[in-house]
PDB file of all heavy atoms in Angstrom:
ATOM      1  N   ILE A   1      93.188  94.675 107.343  1.00  0.00           N
ATOM      2  CA  ILE A   1      94.105  93.681 106.786  1.00  0.00           C
ATOM      3  C   ILE A   1      94.148  93.897 105.278  1.00  0.00           C
ATOM      4  O   ILE A   1      93.106  93.905 104.613  1.00  0.00           O
ATOM      5  CB  ILE A   1      93.639  92.241 107.100  1.00  0.00           C
ATOM      6  CG1 ILE A   1      93.394  92.054 108.604  1.00  0.00           C
ATOM      7  CG2 ILE A   1      94.654  91.227 106.566  1.00  0.00           C
ATOM      8  CD1 ILE A   1      94.611  92.172 109.470  1.00  0.00           C
ATOM      9  N   GLY A   2      95.325  94.054 104.724  1.00  0.00           N
ATOM     10  CA  GLY A   2      95.474  94.390 103.313  1.00  0.00           C
ATOM     11  C   GLY A   2      95.168  93.251 102.365  1.00  0.00           C
ATOM     12  O   GLY A   2      94.680  92.186 102.747  1.00  0.00           O
ATOM     13  N   LYS A   3      95.472  93.462 101.094  1.00  0.00           N
ATOM     14  CA  LYS A   3      95.209  92.484 100.047  1.00  0.00           C
ATOM     15  C   LYS A   3      96.242  91.348 100.085  1.00  0.00           C
ATOM     16  O   LYS A   3      97.412  91.559 100.388  1.00  0.00           O
ATOM     17  CB  LYS A   3      95.248  93.153  98.680  1.00  0.00           C
ATOM     18  CG  LYS A   3      94.168  94.195  98.475  1.00  0.00           C
ATOM     19  CD  LYS A   3      94.282  94.830  97.090  1.00  0.00           C
ATOM     20  CE  LYS A   3      93.189  95.873  96.875  1.00  0.00           C
ATOM     21  NZ  LYS A   3      93.287  96.498  95.531  1.00  0.00           N
ATOM     22  N   LYS A   4      95.764  90.139  99.774  1.00  0.00           N
ATOM     23  CA  LYS A   4      96.623  88.962  99.582  1.00  0.00           C
ATOM     24  C   LYS A   4      97.546  88.699 100.769  1.00  0.00           C
ATOM     25  O   LYS A   4      98.717  88.377 100.602  1.00  0.00           O
ATOM     26  CB  LYS A   4      97.420  89.108  98.280  1.00  0.00           C
ATOM     27  CG  LYS A   4      96.554  89.122  97.039  1.00  0.00           C
ATOM     28  CD  LYS A   4      97.356  89.408  95.778  1.00  0.00           C
ATOM     29  CE  LYS A   4      98.365  88.300  95.487  1.00  0.00           C
ATOM     30  NZ  LYS A   4      99.101  88.552  94.218  1.00  0.00           N
ATOM     31  N   CYS A   5      97.013  88.852 101.958  1.00  0.00           N
ATOM     32  CA  CYS A   5      97.769  88.480 103.157  1.00  0.00           C
ATOM     33  C   CYS A   5      97.489  87.024 103.507  1.00  0.00           C
ATOM     34  O   CYS A   5      96.425  86.483 103.182  1.00  0.00           O
ATOM     35  CB  CYS A   5      97.380  89.374 104.335  1.00  0.00           C
ATOM     36  SG  CYS A   5      97.859  91.102 104.145  1.00  0.00           S
ATOM     37  N   LEU A   6      98.439  86.390 104.191  1.00  0.00           N
ATOM     38  CA  LEU A   6      98.279  85.037 104.727  1.00  0.00           C
ATOM     39  C   LEU A   6      98.432  85.105 106.239  1.00  0.00           C
ATOM     40  O   LEU A   6      99.451  85.585 106.739  1.00  0.00           O
ATOM     41  CB  LEU A   6      99.334  84.090 104.154  1.00  0.00           C
ATOM     42  CG  LEU A   6      99.193  83.677 102.695  1.00  0.00           C
ATOM     43  CD1 LEU A   6     100.406  82.839 102.273  1.00  0.00           C
ATOM     44  CD2 LEU A   6      97.917  82.882 102.461  1.00  0.00           C
ATOM     45  N   ILE A   7      97.408  84.618 106.966  1.00  0.00           N
ATOM     46  CA  ILE A   7      97.434  84.670 108.432  1.00  0.00           C
ATOM     47  C   ILE A   7      97.167  83.267 108.951  1.00  0.00           C
ATOM     48  O   ILE A   7      96.085  82.706 108.739  1.00  0.00           O
ATOM     49  CB  ILE A   7      96.392  85.656 108.972  1.00  0.00           C
ATOM     50  CG1 ILE A   7      96.650  87.063 108.389  1.00  0.00           C
ATOM     51  CG2 ILE A   7      96.433  85.695 110.490  1.00  0.00           C
ATOM     52  CD1 ILE A   7      95.639  88.100 108.806  1.00  0.00           C
ATOM     53  N   ALA A   8      98.156  82.683 109.632  1.00  0.00           N
ATOM     54  CA  ALA A   8      98.059  81.302 110.092  1.00  0.00           C
ATOM     55  C   ALA A   8      97.326  81.211 111.434  1.00  0.00           C
ATOM     56  O   ALA A   8      96.978  82.218 112.056  1.00  0.00           O
ATOM     57  CB  ALA A   8      99.456  80.697 110.209  1.00  0.00           C
ATOM     58  N   SER A   9      97.126  79.988 111.869  1.00  0.00           N
ATOM     59  CA  SER A   9      96.292  79.687 113.031  1.00  0.00           C
ATOM     60  C   SER A   9      96.789  80.327 114.324  1.00  0.00           C
ATOM     61  O   SER A   9      97.991  80.494 114.538  1.00  0.00           O
ATOM     62  CB  SER A   9      96.241  78.168 113.214  1.00  0.00           C
ATOM     63  OG  SER A   9      95.442  77.813 114.300  1.00  0.00           O
ATOM     64  N   GLN A  10      95.835  80.710 115.168  1.00  0.00           N
ATOM     65  CA  GLN A  10      96.059  81.208 116.529  1.00  0.00           C
ATOM     66  C   GLN A  10      96.757  82.560 116.581  1.00  0.00           C
ATOM     67  O   GLN A  10      97.325  82.931 117.606  1.00  0.00           O
ATOM     68  CB  GLN A  10      96.818  80.171 117.358  1.00  0.00           C
ATOM     69  CG  GLN A  10      96.045  78.865 117.500  1.00  0.00           C
ATOM     70  CD  GLN A  10      96.756  77.852 118.360  1.00  0.00           C
ATOM     71  OE1 GLN A  10      97.689  78.172 119.089  1.00  0.00           O
ATOM     72  NE2 GLN A  10      96.303  76.614 118.288  1.00  0.00           N
ATOM     73  N   VAL A  11      96.691  83.304 115.511  1.00  0.00           N
ATOM     74  CA  VAL A  11      97.190  84.678 115.524  1.00  0.00           C
ATOM     75  C   VAL A  11      96.174  85.564 116.231  1.00  0.00           C
ATOM     76  O   VAL A  11      94.967  85.409 116.059  1.00  0.00           O
ATOM     77  CB  VAL A  11      97.434  85.181 114.086  1.00  0.00           C
ATOM     78  CG1 VAL A  11      97.615  86.696 114.045  1.00  0.00           C
ATOM     79  CG2 VAL A  11      98.650  84.490 113.488  1.00  0.00           C
ATOM     80  N   GLY A  12      96.665  86.509 117.040  1.00  0.00           N
ATOM     81  CA  GLY A  12      95.811  87.489 117.694  1.00  0.00           C
ATOM     82  C   GLY A  12      96.247  88.891 117.314  1.00  0.00           C
ATOM     83  O   GLY A  12      97.388  89.286 117.589  1.00  0.00           O
ATOM     84  N   ILE A  13      95.358  89.637 116.658  1.00  0.00           N
ATOM     85  CA  ILE A  13      95.661  90.994 116.214  1.00  0.00           C
ATOM     86  C   ILE A  13      94.746  91.956 116.960  1.00  0.00           C
ATOM     87  O   ILE A  13      93.523  91.833 116.897  1.00  0.00           O
ATOM     88  CB  ILE A  13      95.474  91.146 114.692  1.00  0.00           C
ATOM     89  CG1 ILE A  13      96.351  90.141 113.940  1.00  0.00           C
ATOM     90  CG2 ILE A  13      95.803  92.570 114.254  1.00  0.00           C
ATOM     91  CD1 ILE A  13      96.156  90.145 112.436  1.00  0.00           C
ATOM     92  N   ALA A  14      95.313  92.894 117.669  1.00  0.00           N
ATOM     93  CA  ALA A  14      94.526  93.845 118.469  1.00  0.00           C
ATOM     94  C   ALA A  14      93.835  94.872 117.572  1.00  0.00           C
ATOM     95  O   ALA A  14      93.964  94.846 116.347  1.00  0.00           O
ATOM     96  CB  ALA A  14      95.421  94.527 119.482  1.00  0.00           C
ATOM     97  N   GLY A  15      93.103  95.788 118.191  1.00  0.00           N
ATOM     98  CA  GLY A  15      92.358  96.784 117.441  1.00  0.00           C
ATOM     99  C   GLY A  15      93.227  97.867 116.833  1.00  0.00           C
ATOM    100  O   GLY A  15      94.355  98.125 117.274  1.00  0.00           O
ATOM    101  N   CYS A  16      92.697  98.485 115.770  1.00  0.00           N
ATOM    102  CA  CYS A  16      93.314  99.655 115.130  1.00  0.00           C
ATOM    103  C   CYS A  16      94.698  99.365 114.557  1.00  0.00           C
ATOM    104  O   CYS A  16      95.561 100.249 114.499  1.00  0.00           O
ATOM    105  CB  CYS A  16      93.390 100.832 116.098  1.00  0.00           C
ATOM    106  SG  CYS A  16      91.812 101.300 116.813  1.00  0.00           S
ATOM    107  N   VAL A  17      94.918  98.130 114.114  1.00  0.00           N
ATOM    108  CA  VAL A  17      96.168  97.746 113.457  1.00  0.00           C
ATOM    109  C   VAL A  17      95.971  97.874 111.943  1.00  0.00           C
ATOM    110  O   VAL A  17      94.894  97.587 111.423  1.00  0.00           O
ATOM    111  CB  VAL A  17      96.568  96.310 113.826  1.00  0.00           C
ATOM    112  CG1 VAL A  17      97.756  95.830 112.997  1.00  0.00           C
ATOM    113  CG2 VAL A  17      96.890  96.220 115.312  1.00  0.00           C
ATOM    114  N   VAL A  18      97.011  98.295 111.243  1.00  0.00           N
ATOM    115  CA  VAL A  18      97.007  98.289 109.782  1.00  0.00           C
ATOM    116  C   VAL A  18      98.046  97.267 109.320  1.00  0.00           C
ATOM    117  O   VAL A  18      99.235  97.406 109.616  1.00  0.00           O
ATOM    118  CB  VAL A  18      97.341  99.675 109.199  1.00  0.00           C
ATOM    119  CG1 VAL A  18      97.459  99.600 107.680  1.00  0.00           C
ATOM    120  CG2 VAL A  18      96.282 100.689 109.605  1.00  0.00           C
ATOM    121  N   VAL A  19      97.565  96.232 108.631  1.00  0.00           N
ATOM    122  CA  VAL A  19      98.442  95.239 108.021  1.00  0.00           C
ATOM    123  C   VAL A  19      98.398  95.494 106.521  1.00  0.00           C
ATOM    124  O   VAL A  19      97.351  95.339 105.886  1.00  0.00           O
ATOM    125  CB  VAL A  19      97.981  93.806 108.348  1.00  0.00           C
ATOM    126  CG1 VAL A  19      98.880  92.783 107.658  1.00  0.00           C
ATOM    127  CG2 VAL A  19      97.970  93.575 109.859  1.00  0.00           C
ATOM    128  N   GLU A  20      99.499  95.921 105.962  1.00  0.00           N
ATOM    129  CA  GLU A  20      99.510  96.279 104.549  1.00  0.00           C
ATOM    130  C   GLU A  20      99.491  95.029 103.663  1.00  0.00           C
ATOM    131  O   GLU A  20      99.463  93.908 104.157  1.00  0.00           O
ATOM    132  CB  GLU A  20     100.710  97.179 104.256  1.00  0.00           C
ATOM    133  CG  GLU A  20     100.613  98.527 104.989  1.00  0.00           C
ATOM    134  CD  GLU A  20     101.748  99.486 104.691  1.00  0.00           C
ATOM    135  OE1 GLU A  20     102.757  99.062 104.067  1.00  0.00           O
ATOM    136  OE2 GLU A  20     101.638 100.667 105.077  1.00  0.00           O
ATOM    137  N   ASP A  21      99.482  95.216 102.355  1.00  0.00           N
ATOM    138  CA  ASP A  21      99.282  94.114 101.407  1.00  0.00           C
ATOM    139  C   ASP A  21     100.402  93.072 101.469  1.00  0.00           C
ATOM    140  O   ASP A  21     101.564  93.389 101.722  1.00  0.00           O
ATOM    141  CB  ASP A  21      99.216  94.659  99.975  1.00  0.00           C
ATOM    142  CG  ASP A  21      98.045  95.600  99.741  1.00  0.00           C
ATOM    143  OD1 ASP A  21      97.128  95.608 100.580  1.00  0.00           O
ATOM    144  OD2 ASP A  21      98.054  96.315  98.718  1.00  0.00           O
ATOM    145  N   GLU A  22      99.993  91.826 101.209  1.00  0.00           N
ATOM    146  CA  GLU A  22     100.919  90.694 101.000  1.00  0.00           C
ATOM    147  C   GLU A  22     101.810  90.415 102.206  1.00  0.00           C
ATOM    148  O   GLU A  22     102.965  89.990 102.068  1.00  0.00           O
ATOM    149  CB  GLU A  22     101.758  90.914  99.742  1.00  0.00           C
ATOM    150  CG  GLU A  22     100.908  91.030  98.484  1.00  0.00           C
ATOM    151  CD  GLU A  22     101.731  91.267  97.230  1.00  0.00           C
ATOM    152  OE1 GLU A  22     102.600  90.428  96.939  1.00  0.00           O
ATOM    153  OE2 GLU A  22     101.498  92.290  96.561  1.00  0.00           O
ATOM    154  N   VAL A  23     101.283  90.633 103.373  1.00  0.00           N
ATOM    155  CA  VAL A  23     101.986  90.300 104.618  1.00  0.00           C
ATOM    156  C   VAL A  23     101.678  88.853 104.979  1.00  0.00           C
ATOM    157  O   VAL A  23     100.545  88.394 104.831  1.00  0.00           O
ATOM    158  CB  VAL A  23     101.573  91.242 105.752  1.00  0.00           C
ATOM    159  CG1 VAL A  23     102.078  90.754 107.103  1.00  0.00           C
ATOM    160  CG2 VAL A  23     102.073  92.659 105.474  1.00  0.00           C
ATOM    161  N   THR A  24     102.682  88.132 105.481  1.00  0.00           N
ATOM    162  CA  THR A  24     102.506  86.764 105.968  1.00  0.00           C
ATOM    163  C   THR A  24     102.730  86.745 107.476  1.00  0.00           C
ATOM    164  O   THR A  24     103.767  87.217 107.960  1.00  0.00           O
ATOM    165  CB  THR A  24     103.491  85.799 105.290  1.00  0.00           C
ATOM    166  OG1 THR A  24     103.272  85.818 103.870  1.00  0.00           O
ATOM    167  CG2 THR A  24     103.297  84.373 105.806  1.00  0.00           C
ATOM    168  N   ILE A  25     101.750  86.209 108.201  1.00  0.00           N
ATOM    169  CA  ILE A  25     101.833  86.132 109.660  1.00  0.00           C
ATOM    170  C   ILE A  25     101.640  84.678 110.060  1.00  0.00           C
ATOM    171  O   ILE A  25     100.571  84.101 109.843  1.00  0.00           O
ATOM    172  CB  ILE A  25     100.752  87.015 110.326  1.00  0.00           C
ATOM    173  CG1 ILE A  25     100.863  88.468 109.836  1.00  0.00           C
ATOM    174  CG2 ILE A  25     100.875  86.963 111.841  1.00  0.00           C
ATOM    175  CD1 ILE A  25      99.748  89.369 110.312  1.00  0.00           C
ATOM    176  N   TRP A  26     102.673  84.069 110.635  1.00  0.00           N
ATOM    177  CA  TRP A  26     102.613  82.655 110.985  1.00  0.00           C
ATOM    178  C   TRP A  26     102.011  82.433 112.377  1.00  0.00           C
ATOM    179  O   TRP A  26     101.711  83.384 113.093  1.00  0.00           O
ATOM    180  CB  TRP A  26     104.001  82.019 110.858  1.00  0.00           C
ATOM    181  CG  TRP A  26     104.476  81.966 109.424  1.00  0.00           C
ATOM    182  CD1 TRP A  26     105.549  82.603 108.879  1.00  0.00           C
ATOM    183  CD2 TRP A  26     103.860  81.262 108.347  1.00  0.00           C
ATOM    184  NE1 TRP A  26     105.656  82.342 107.534  1.00  0.00           N
ATOM    185  CE2 TRP A  26     104.628  81.508 107.178  1.00  0.00           C
ATOM    186  CE3 TRP A  26     102.735  80.434 108.235  1.00  0.00           C
ATOM    187  CZ2 TRP A  26     104.304  80.964 105.926  1.00  0.00           C
ATOM    188  CZ3 TRP A  26     102.420  79.891 106.985  1.00  0.00           C
ATOM    189  CH2 TRP A  26     103.193  80.151 105.862  1.00  0.00           C
ATOM    190  N   GLY A  27     101.849  81.192 112.755  1.00  0.00           N
ATOM    191  CA  GLY A  27     101.037  80.797 113.903  1.00  0.00           C
ATOM    192  C   GLY A  27     101.434  81.422 115.231  1.00  0.00           C
ATOM    193  O   GLY A  27     102.610  81.620 115.531  1.00  0.00           O
ATOM    194  N   GLN A  28     100.407  81.756 116.014  1.00  0.00           N
ATOM    195  CA  GLN A  28     100.537  82.234 117.388  1.00  0.00           C
ATOM    196  C   GLN A  28     101.261  83.574 117.510  1.00  0.00           C
ATOM    197  O   GLN A  28     101.755  83.924 118.581  1.00  0.00           O
ATOM    198  CB  GLN A  28     101.210  81.185 118.267  1.00  0.00           C
ATOM    199  CG  GLN A  28     100.389  79.903 118.384  1.00  0.00           C
ATOM    200  CD  GLN A  28     100.939  78.939 119.409  1.00  0.00           C
ATOM    201  OE1 GLN A  28     102.111  79.017 119.780  1.00  0.00           O
ATOM    202  NE2 GLN A  28     100.098  78.036 119.870  1.00  0.00           N
ATOM    203  N   VAL A  29     101.289  84.344 116.464  1.00  0.00           N
ATOM    204  CA  VAL A  29     101.820  85.704 116.559  1.00  0.00           C
ATOM    205  C   VAL A  29     100.808  86.583 117.294  1.00  0.00           C
ATOM    206  O   VAL A  29      99.600  86.475 117.073  1.00  0.00           O
ATOM    207  CB  VAL A  29     102.110  86.279 115.164  1.00  0.00           C
ATOM    208  CG1 VAL A  29     102.405  87.781 115.230  1.00  0.00           C
ATOM    209  CG2 VAL A  29     103.280  85.542 114.513  1.00  0.00           C
ATOM    210  N   GLY A  30     101.311  87.447 118.175  1.00  0.00           N
ATOM    211  CA  GLY A  30     100.466  88.427 118.854  1.00  0.00           C
ATOM    212  C   GLY A  30     100.883  89.833 118.450  1.00  0.00           C
ATOM    213  O   GLY A  30     102.076  90.147 118.445  1.00  0.00           O
ATOM    214  N   ILE A  31      99.908  90.666 118.091  1.00  0.00           N
ATOM    215  CA  ILE A  31     100.200  92.013 117.591  1.00  0.00           C
ATOM    216  C   ILE A  31      99.444  93.040 118.424  1.00  0.00           C
ATOM    217  O   ILE A  31      98.220  92.962 118.568  1.00  0.00           O
ATOM    218  CB  ILE A  31      99.806  92.141 116.104  1.00  0.00           C
ATOM    219  CG1 ILE A  31     100.598  91.121 115.262  1.00  0.00           C
ATOM    220  CG2 ILE A  31     100.060  93.560 115.596  1.00  0.00           C
ATOM    221  CD1 ILE A  31     100.231  91.108 113.792  1.00  0.00           C
ATOM    222  N   THR A  32     100.165  94.006 118.974  1.00  0.00           N
ATOM    223  CA  THR A  32      99.559  95.030 119.818  1.00  0.00           C
ATOM    224  C   THR A  32      98.772  96.043 119.003  1.00  0.00           C
ATOM    225  O   THR A  32      98.869  96.080 117.772  1.00  0.00           O
ATOM    226  CB  THR A  32     100.641  95.743 120.647  1.00  0.00           C
ATOM    227  OG1 THR A  32     100.025  96.481 121.693  1.00  0.00           O
ATOM    228  CG2 THR A  32     101.467  96.690 119.793  1.00  0.00           C
ATOM    229  N   SER A  33      97.991  96.884 119.658  1.00  0.00           N
ATOM    230  CA  SER A  33      97.082  97.795 118.969  1.00  0.00           C
ATOM    231  C   SER A  33      97.800  99.007 118.387  1.00  0.00           C
ATOM    232  O   SER A  33      98.875  99.414 118.844  1.00  0.00           O
ATOM    233  CB  SER A  33      95.998  98.273 119.937  1.00  0.00           C
ATOM    234  OG  SER A  33      96.588  99.004 120.996  1.00  0.00           O
ATOM    235  N   GLY A  34      97.178  99.581 117.359  1.00  0.00           N
ATOM    236  CA  GLY A  34      97.564 100.878 116.844  1.00  0.00           C
ATOM    237  C   GLY A  34      98.864 100.940 116.073  1.00  0.00           C
ATOM    238  O   GLY A  34      99.441 102.023 115.927  1.00  0.00           O
ATOM    239  N   ILE A  35      99.347  99.819 115.552  1.00  0.00           N
ATOM    240  CA  ILE A  35     100.610  99.834 114.817  1.00  0.00           C
ATOM    241  C   ILE A  35     100.371  99.439 113.358  1.00  0.00           C
ATOM    242  O   ILE A  35      99.280  99.025 112.978  1.00  0.00           O
ATOM    243  CB  ILE A  35     101.660  98.902 115.455  1.00  0.00           C
ATOM    244  CG1 ILE A  35     101.221  97.434 115.356  1.00  0.00           C
ATOM    245  CG2 ILE A  35     101.916  99.293 116.905  1.00  0.00           C
ATOM    246  CD1 ILE A  35     102.315  96.460 115.756  1.00  0.00           C
ATOM    247  N   THR A  36     101.423  99.570 112.545  1.00  0.00           N
ATOM    248  CA  THR A  36     101.350  99.240 111.123  1.00  0.00           C
ATOM    249  C   THR A  36     102.406  98.194 110.784  1.00  0.00           C
ATOM    250  O   THR A  36     103.565  98.324 111.184  1.00  0.00           O
ATOM    251  CB  THR A  36     101.572 100.493 110.261  1.00  0.00           C
ATOM    252  OG1 THR A  36     100.520 101.433 110.531  1.00  0.00           O
ATOM    253  CG2 THR A  36     101.573 100.149 108.785  1.00  0.00           C
ATOM    254  N   ILE A  37     101.979  97.175 110.054  1.00  0.00           N
ATOM    255  CA  ILE A  37     102.901  96.154 109.534  1.00  0.00           C
ATOM    256  C   ILE A  37     103.068  96.436 108.043  1.00  0.00           C
ATOM    257  O   ILE A  37     102.099  96.396 107.284  1.00  0.00           O
ATOM    258  CB  ILE A  37     102.353  94.726 109.748  1.00  0.00           C
ATOM    259  CG1 ILE A  37     101.928  94.511 111.209  1.00  0.00           C
ATOM    260  CG2 ILE A  37     103.380  93.696 109.295  1.00  0.00           C
ATOM    261  CD1 ILE A  37     103.020  94.651 112.216  1.00  0.00           C
ATOM    262  N   GLY A  38     104.285  96.708 107.613  1.00  0.00           N
ATOM    263  CA  GLY A  38     104.540  97.125 106.239  1.00  0.00           C
ATOM    264  C   GLY A  38     104.331  96.034 105.209  1.00  0.00           C
ATOM    265  O   GLY A  38     104.342  94.824 105.500  1.00  0.00           O
ATOM    266  N   LYS A  39     104.159  96.437 103.981  1.00  0.00           N
ATOM    267  CA  LYS A  39     103.885  95.544 102.857  1.00  0.00           C
ATOM    268  C   LYS A  39     104.953  94.459 102.720  1.00  0.00           C
ATOM    269  O   LYS A  39     106.144  94.720 102.823  1.00  0.00           O
ATOM    270  CB  LYS A  39     103.803  96.364 101.569  1.00  0.00           C
ATOM    271  CG  LYS A  39     103.437  95.560 100.330  1.00  0.00           C
ATOM    272  CD  LYS A  39     103.290  96.474  99.116  1.00  0.00           C
ATOM    273  CE  LYS A  39     102.917  95.668  97.874  1.00  0.00           C
ATOM    274  NZ  LYS A  39     102.742  96.549  96.686  1.00  0.00           N
ATOM    275  N   LYS A  40     104.488  93.228 102.524  1.00  0.00           N
ATOM    276  CA  LYS A  40     105.331  92.049 102.269  1.00  0.00           C
ATOM    277  C   LYS A  40     106.224  91.678 103.456  1.00  0.00           C
ATOM    278  O   LYS A  40     107.203  90.933 103.283  1.00  0.00           O
ATOM    279  CB  LYS A  40     106.160  92.219 101.001  1.00  0.00           C
ATOM    280  CG  LYS A  40     105.316  92.268  99.736  1.00  0.00           C
ATOM    281  CD  LYS A  40     106.176  92.250  98.473  1.00  0.00           C
ATOM    282  CE  LYS A  40     105.292  92.232  97.229  1.00  0.00           C
ATOM    283  NZ  LYS A  40     106.084  92.173  95.980  1.00  0.00           N
ATOM    284  N   ALA A  41     105.906  92.153 104.631  1.00  0.00           N
ATOM    285  CA  ALA A  41     106.630  91.675 105.817  1.00  0.00           C
ATOM    286  C   ALA A  41     106.247  90.225 106.078  1.00  0.00           C
ATOM    287  O   ALA A  41     105.135  89.785 105.750  1.00  0.00           O
ATOM    288  CB  ALA A  41     106.293  92.534 107.023  1.00  0.00           C
ATOM    289  N   VAL A  42     107.161  89.484 106.682  1.00  0.00           N
ATOM    290  CA  VAL A  42     106.906  88.098 107.101  1.00  0.00           C
ATOM    291  C   VAL A  42     107.215  88.008 108.588  1.00  0.00           C
ATOM    292  O   VAL A  42     108.336  88.316 109.020  1.00  0.00           O
ATOM    293  CB  VAL A  42     107.779  87.095 106.315  1.00  0.00           C
ATOM    294  CG1 VAL A  42     107.533  85.676 106.823  1.00  0.00           C
ATOM    295  CG2 VAL A  42     107.491  87.187 104.818  1.00  0.00           C
ATOM    296  N   ILE A  43     106.223  87.580 109.370  1.00  0.00           N
ATOM    297  CA  ILE A  43     106.389  87.489 110.826  1.00  0.00           C
ATOM    298  C   ILE A  43     106.336  86.018 111.210  1.00  0.00           C
ATOM    299  O   ILE A  43     105.325  85.341 110.989  1.00  0.00           O
ATOM    300  CB  ILE A  43     105.297  88.279 111.563  1.00  0.00           C
ATOM    301  CG1 ILE A  43     105.276  89.735 111.068  1.00  0.00           C
ATOM    302  CG2 ILE A  43     105.548  88.237 113.064  1.00  0.00           C
ATOM    303  CD1 ILE A  43     104.171  90.574 111.660  1.00  0.00           C
ATOM    304  N   SER A  44     107.415  85.512 111.773  1.00  0.00           N
ATOM    305  CA  SER A  44     107.527  84.091 112.097  1.00  0.00           C
ATOM    306  C   SER A  44     106.707  83.727 113.334  1.00  0.00           C
ATOM    307  O   SER A  44     106.334  84.585 114.136  1.00  0.00           O
ATOM    308  CB  SER A  44     108.991  83.712 112.315  1.00  0.00           C
ATOM    309  OG  SER A  44     109.716  83.833 111.104  1.00  0.00           O
TER     310      SER A  44
END
């Protein structure tokens, strides 16, 4: 998980994921393994 990210309640992130800097992930998001979330993305 990168720098200055915000991750809200009940998020589930699988193994081997790269979340780049300043990403915001809101509640109950599910993320599969082995992928990359780019810098400053916002996931509702």
